[in-house]
Amino acid sequence: MRIKQMISAGLFSVFLLSAQFSFAQLKGVVTDDANVLTPATETTLLQQLQKEEKESGNKIYVYTVKVYNQKDIDNLLAGAAKTVVASKSGKKSGAILLVVSPESRKIKIIASEGLEDRLNNEMCTQLIKSEIVPPVKKGDYDTGVKAGVAALQKALKGAYVSRD
């Protein structure tokens, strides 16, 4: 009986370990697992984000997911944060994760260390409320995500001004 319990516990541990990594991985700077973005928007965002990374060293990721799970998001951010590098200007650059979850009705912006001076929690909350939420409430995820990314890029340059 003891061996049976050990085998069961071992199999359960393997299951938990594999379940921990079963969430969708970022497939690039734009990952639309919720299928809310058009292919044209994905292409536009990809080009825009690659240009941002080349110019500033900052890497912005857009991730749409049907159901928001904090553990999954933390794991994704940890992977994205590994891209932190020193930019040409000497400023510390970093990674930003914009998460949109239609079914969970959540939108989050998470910035890695080194970007707090330009992208603090208050700025992220304001940006979400002003730029992303209005079109998303109407079901227009393309416009909301593109507006969010554009606002993030402005914020990183210190040029973002809220519409409110």
C-alpha atoms as a PDB file:
ATOM      1  CA  MET A   1       0.000   0.000   0.000  1.00  0.00           C
ATOM      2  CA  ARG A   2       2.852   2.383   0.847  1.00  0.00           C
ATOM      3  CA  ILE A   3       4.439   1.884  -2.594  1.00  0.00           C
ATOM      4  CA  LYS A   4       1.090   2.568  -4.249  1.00  0.00           C
ATOM      5  CA  GLN A   5       0.799   5.865  -2.331  1.00  0.00           C
ATOM      6  CA  MET A   6       4.339   6.831  -3.303  1.00  0.00           C
ATOM      7  CA  ILE A   7       3.665   6.096  -6.969  1.00  0.00           C
ATOM      8  CA  SER A   8       0.405   8.039  -6.808  1.00  0.00           C
ATOM      9  CA  ALA A   9       2.151  10.958  -5.112  1.00  0.00           C
ATOM     10  CA  GLY A  10       4.953  10.834  -7.694  1.00  0.00           C
ATOM     11  CA  LEU A  11       2.524  10.817 -10.612  1.00  0.00           C
ATOM     12  CA  PHE A  12       0.587  13.671  -9.024  1.00  0.00           C
ATOM     13  CA  SER A  13       3.823  15.659  -8.658  1.00  0.00           C
ATOM     14  CA  VAL A  14       4.694  15.051 -12.317  1.00  0.00           C
ATOM     15  CA  PHE A  15       1.172  16.145 -13.263  1.00  0.00           C
ATOM     16  CA  LEU A  16       1.497  19.330 -11.204  1.00  0.00           C
ATOM     17  CA  LEU A  17       4.899  20.063 -12.690  1.00  0.00           C
ATOM     18  CA  SER A  18       3.630  19.614 -16.246  1.00  0.00           C
ATOM     19  CA  ALA A  19       0.464  21.604 -15.479  1.00  0.00           C
ATOM     20  CA  GLN A  20       2.606  24.460 -14.226  1.00  0.00           C
ATOM     21  CA  PHE A  21       4.111  24.860 -17.700  1.00  0.00           C
ATOM     22  CA  SER A  22       1.014  24.056 -19.736  1.00  0.00           C
ATOM     23  CA  PHE A  23      -0.066  27.674 -20.182  1.00  0.00           C
ATOM     24  CA  ALA A  24       0.468  29.345 -23.511  1.00  0.00           C
ATOM     25  CA  GLN A  25       3.912  30.747 -24.029  1.00  0.00           C
ATOM     26  CA  LEU A  26       4.610  34.062 -25.652  1.00  0.00           C
ATOM     27  CA  LYS A  27       5.124  33.207 -29.304  1.00  0.00           C
ATOM     28  CA  GLY A  28       6.679  36.561 -30.060  1.00  0.00           C
ATOM     29  CA  VAL A  29       5.965  40.160 -29.217  1.00  0.00           C
ATOM     30  CA  VAL A  30       2.316  39.627 -30.204  1.00  0.00           C
ATOM     31  CA  THR A  31       0.503  36.520 -28.954  1.00  0.00           C
ATOM     32  CA  ASP A  32      -3.250  36.514 -29.569  1.00  0.00           C
ATOM     33  CA  ASP A  33      -4.427  33.378 -27.771  1.00  0.00           C
ATOM     34  CA  ALA A  34      -7.881  34.920 -27.225  1.00  0.00           C
ATOM     35  CA  ASN A  35      -8.292  35.432 -30.990  1.00  0.00           C
ATOM     36  CA  VAL A  36      -9.516  39.006 -30.641  1.00  0.00           C
ATOM     37  CA  LEU A  37      -7.049  40.726 -32.982  1.00  0.00           C
ATOM     38  CA  THR A  38      -7.264  40.734 -36.758  1.00  0.00           C
ATOM     39  CA  PRO A  39      -4.251  39.501 -38.736  1.00  0.00           C
ATOM     40  CA  ALA A  40      -3.749  43.059 -40.033  1.00  0.00           C
ATOM     41  CA  THR A  41      -3.552  44.405 -36.469  1.00  0.00           C
ATOM     42  CA  GLU A  42      -1.141  41.675 -35.456  1.00  0.00           C
ATOM     43  CA  THR A  43       1.125  42.565 -38.384  1.00  0.00           C
ATOM     44  CA  THR A  44       0.950  46.297 -37.615  1.00  0.00           C
ATOM     45  CA  LEU A  45       1.735  45.693 -33.937  1.00  0.00           C
ATOM     46  CA  LEU A  46       4.602  43.351 -34.776  1.00  0.00           C
ATOM     47  CA  GLN A  47       6.246  45.964 -36.989  1.00  0.00           C
ATOM     48  CA  GLN A  48       5.623  48.745 -34.453  1.00  0.00           C
ATOM     49  CA  LEU A  49       7.022  46.725 -31.542  1.00  0.00           C
ATOM     50  CA  GLN A  50      10.084  45.549 -33.442  1.00  0.00           C
ATOM     51  CA  LYS A  51      10.845  49.174 -34.345  1.00  0.00           C
ATOM     52  CA  GLU A  52      10.434  50.209 -30.683  1.00  0.00           C
ATOM     53  CA  GLU A  53      12.864  47.534 -29.539  1.00  0.00           C
ATOM     54  CA  LYS A  54      15.419  48.487 -32.175  1.00  0.00           C
ATOM     55  CA  GLU A  55      15.229  52.198 -31.316  1.00  0.00           C
ATOM     56  CA  SER A  56      14.972  52.110 -27.518  1.00  0.00           C
ATOM     57  CA  GLY A  57      15.937  48.625 -26.409  1.00  0.00           C
ATOM     58  CA  ASN A  58      12.533  48.304 -24.707  1.00  0.00           C
ATOM     59  CA  LYS A  59      10.575  45.200 -25.560  1.00  0.00           C
ATOM     60  CA  ILE A  60       6.781  45.463 -25.408  1.00  0.00           C
ATOM     61  CA  TYR A  61       4.797  42.238 -25.470  1.00  0.00           C
ATOM     62  CA  VAL A  62       1.083  42.056 -26.264  1.00  0.00           C
ATOM     63  CA  TYR A  63      -0.630  38.965 -24.913  1.00  0.00           C
ATOM     64  CA  THR A  64      -4.327  38.251 -25.216  1.00  0.00           C
ATOM     65  CA  VAL A  65      -5.671  35.316 -23.259  1.00  0.00           C
ATOM     66  CA  LYS A  66      -9.253  34.145 -22.735  1.00  0.00           C
ATOM     67  CA  VAL A  67      -8.956  33.550 -18.991  1.00  0.00           C
ATOM     68  CA  TYR A  68      -6.536  35.533 -16.818  1.00  0.00           C
ATOM     69  CA  ASN A  69      -4.411  33.492 -14.433  1.00  0.00           C
ATOM     70  CA  GLN A  70      -1.963  35.457 -12.257  1.00  0.00           C
ATOM     71  CA  LYS A  71       0.548  32.600 -12.007  1.00  0.00           C
ATOM     72  CA  ASP A  72       0.717  32.279 -15.779  1.00  0.00           C
ATOM     73  CA  ILE A  73       1.164  36.026 -16.177  1.00  0.00           C
ATOM     74  CA  ASP A  74       3.933  36.088 -13.544  1.00  0.00           C
ATOM     75  CA  ASN A  75       5.759  33.305 -15.418  1.00  0.00           C
ATOM     76  CA  LEU A  76       5.380  35.107 -18.732  1.00  0.00           C
ATOM     77  CA  LEU A  77       6.678  38.353 -17.238  1.00  0.00           C
ATOM     78  CA  ALA A  78       9.648  36.590 -15.684  1.00  0.00           C
ATOM     79  CA  GLY A  79      10.588  35.301 -19.131  1.00  0.00           C
ATOM     80  CA  ALA A  80      10.014  38.685 -20.744  1.00  0.00           C
ATOM     81  CA  ALA A  81      12.065  40.479 -18.068  1.00  0.00           C
ATOM     82  CA  LYS A  82      15.130  38.475 -19.080  1.00  0.00           C
ATOM     83  CA  THR A  83      15.305  40.733 -22.127  1.00  0.00           C
ATOM     84  CA  VAL A  84      16.355  43.736 -20.022  1.00  0.00           C
ATOM     85  CA  VAL A  85      19.444  45.262 -21.576  1.00  0.00           C
ATOM     86  CA  ALA A  86      21.241  48.568 -21.492  1.00  0.00           C
ATOM     87  CA  SER A  87      20.186  50.781 -24.383  1.00  0.00           C
ATOM     88  CA  LYS A  88      22.552  52.857 -26.499  1.00  0.00           C
ATOM     89  CA  SER A  89      21.673  56.011 -24.575  1.00  0.00           C
ATOM     90  CA  GLY A  90      22.779  54.421 -21.308  1.00  0.00           C
ATOM     91  CA  LYS A  91      19.231  54.337 -19.921  1.00  0.00           C
ATOM     92  CA  LYS A  92      18.160  51.030 -18.543  1.00  0.00           C
ATOM     93  CA  SER A  93      15.605  49.455 -20.820  1.00  0.00           C
ATOM     94  CA  GLY A  94      13.215  46.653 -20.061  1.00  0.00           C
ATOM     95  CA  ALA A  95      10.201  44.601 -20.910  1.00  0.00           C
ATOM     96  CA  ILE A  96       6.539  45.484 -20.736  1.00  0.00           C
ATOM     97  CA  LEU A  97       3.706  43.002 -20.859  1.00  0.00           C
ATOM     98  CA  LEU A  98       0.271  44.238 -21.967  1.00  0.00           C
ATOM     99  CA  VAL A  99      -2.279  41.554 -21.093  1.00  0.00           C
ATOM    100  CA  VAL A 100      -5.869  41.629 -22.322  1.00  0.00           C
ATOM    101  CA  SER A 101      -8.272  38.935 -21.131  1.00  0.00           C
ATOM    102  CA  PRO A 102     -11.780  39.245 -22.611  1.00  0.00           C
ATOM    103  CA  GLU A 103     -13.459  36.472 -20.615  1.00  0.00           C
ATOM    104  CA  SER A 104     -11.913  37.564 -17.313  1.00  0.00           C
ATOM    105  CA  ARG A 105     -12.528  41.209 -18.205  1.00  0.00           C
ATOM    106  CA  LYS A 106      -9.003  42.172 -17.173  1.00  0.00           C
ATOM    107  CA  ILE A 107      -6.416  44.406 -18.727  1.00  0.00           C
ATOM    108  CA  LYS A 108      -2.989  44.717 -17.133  1.00  0.00           C
ATOM    109  CA  ILE A 109       0.259  46.432 -17.924  1.00  0.00           C
ATOM    110  CA  ILE A 110       3.265  45.029 -16.138  1.00  0.00           C
ATOM    111  CA  ALA A 111       6.683  46.644 -16.505  1.00  0.00           C
ATOM    112  CA  SER A 112      10.017  45.154 -15.550  1.00  0.00           C
ATOM    113  CA  GLU A 113      12.486  46.853 -13.245  1.00  0.00           C
ATOM    114  CA  GLY A 114      14.171  49.846 -14.741  1.00  0.00           C
ATOM    115  CA  LEU A 115      11.014  51.336 -16.220  1.00  0.00           C
ATOM    116  CA  GLU A 116       9.298  52.455 -12.993  1.00  0.00           C
ATOM    117  CA  ASP A 117      10.374  56.055 -13.489  1.00  0.00           C
ATOM    118  CA  ARG A 118       8.544  56.228 -16.825  1.00  0.00           C
ATOM    119  CA  LEU A 119       5.825  53.636 -16.307  1.00  0.00           C
ATOM    120  CA  ASN A 120       4.618  53.497 -12.708  1.00  0.00           C
ATOM    121  CA  ASN A 121       1.363  51.884 -11.499  1.00  0.00           C
ATOM    122  CA  GLU A 122      -0.565  55.155 -11.589  1.00  0.00           C
ATOM    123  CA  MET A 123       0.489  55.833 -15.190  1.00  0.00           C
ATOM    124  CA  CYS A 124      -0.426  52.268 -16.234  1.00  0.00           C
ATOM    125  CA  THR A 125      -3.860  52.505 -14.606  1.00  0.00           C
ATOM    126  CA  GLN A 126      -4.544  55.847 -16.285  1.00  0.00           C
ATOM    127  CA  LEU A 127      -3.358  54.559 -19.642  1.00  0.00           C
ATOM    128  CA  ILE A 128      -5.621  51.503 -19.416  1.00  0.00           C
ATOM    129  CA  LYS A 129      -8.674  53.554 -18.419  1.00  0.00           C
ATOM    130  CA  SER A 130      -8.119  56.294 -20.999  1.00  0.00           C
ATOM    131  CA  GLU A 131      -6.753  54.463 -24.029  1.00  0.00           C
ATOM    132  CA  ILE A 132      -7.652  50.778 -23.935  1.00  0.00           C
ATOM    133  CA  VAL A 133     -10.940  50.393 -22.050  1.00  0.00           C
ATOM    134  CA  PRO A 134     -13.188  52.698 -24.147  1.00  0.00           C
ATOM    135  CA  PRO A 135     -12.753  50.824 -27.471  1.00  0.00           C
ATOM    136  CA  VAL A 136     -12.584  47.414 -25.753  1.00  0.00           C
ATOM    137  CA  LYS A 137     -15.942  48.079 -24.054  1.00  0.00           C
ATOM    138  CA  LYS A 138     -17.375  48.420 -27.557  1.00  0.00           C
ATOM    139  CA  GLY A 139     -15.768  45.110 -28.586  1.00  0.00           C
ATOM    140  CA  ASP A 140     -13.036  46.809 -30.634  1.00  0.00           C
ATOM    141  CA  TYR A 141      -9.938  45.058 -29.344  1.00  0.00           C
ATOM    142  CA  ASP A 142      -7.868  46.077 -32.372  1.00  0.00           C
ATOM    143  CA  THR A 143      -8.273  49.781 -31.667  1.00  0.00           C
ATOM    144  CA  GLY A 144      -7.885  49.355 -27.895  1.00  0.00           C
ATOM    145  CA  VAL A 145      -4.679  47.354 -28.094  1.00  0.00           C
ATOM    146  CA  LYS A 146      -3.145  49.598 -30.769  1.00  0.00           C
ATOM    147  CA  ALA A 147      -4.018  52.702 -28.710  1.00  0.00           C
ATOM    148  CA  GLY A 148      -2.525  51.072 -25.621  1.00  0.00           C
ATOM    149  CA  VAL A 149       0.716  50.239 -27.382  1.00  0.00           C
ATOM    150  CA  ALA A 150       0.995  53.741 -28.855  1.00  0.00           C
ATOM    151  CA  ALA A 151       0.417  55.246 -25.396  1.00  0.00           C
ATOM    152  CA  LEU A 152       3.022  52.924 -23.864  1.00  0.00           C
ATOM    153  CA  GLN A 153       5.545  54.048 -26.448  1.00  0.00           C
ATOM    154  CA  LYS A 154       4.802  57.703 -25.644  1.00  0.00           C
ATOM    155  CA  ALA A 155       5.032  57.027 -21.910  1.00  0.00           C
ATOM    156  CA  LEU A 156       8.449  55.442 -22.339  1.00  0.00           C
ATOM    157  CA  LYS A 157       9.612  58.657 -24.015  1.00  0.00           C
ATOM    158  CA  GLY A 158       8.006  60.777 -21.273  1.00  0.00           C
ATOM    159  CA  ALA A 159       5.515  62.223 -23.763  1.00  0.00           C
ATOM    160  CA  TYR A 160       2.244  60.531 -22.730  1.00  0.00           C
ATOM    161  CA  VAL A 161      -0.621  62.848 -21.859  1.00  0.00           C
ATOM    162  CA  SER A 162      -3.908  61.272 -20.779  1.00  0.00           C
ATOM    163  CA  ARG A 163      -7.060  62.049 -22.765  1.00  0.00           C
ATOM    164  CA  ASP A 164      -8.974  62.576 -19.500  1.00  0.00           C
END
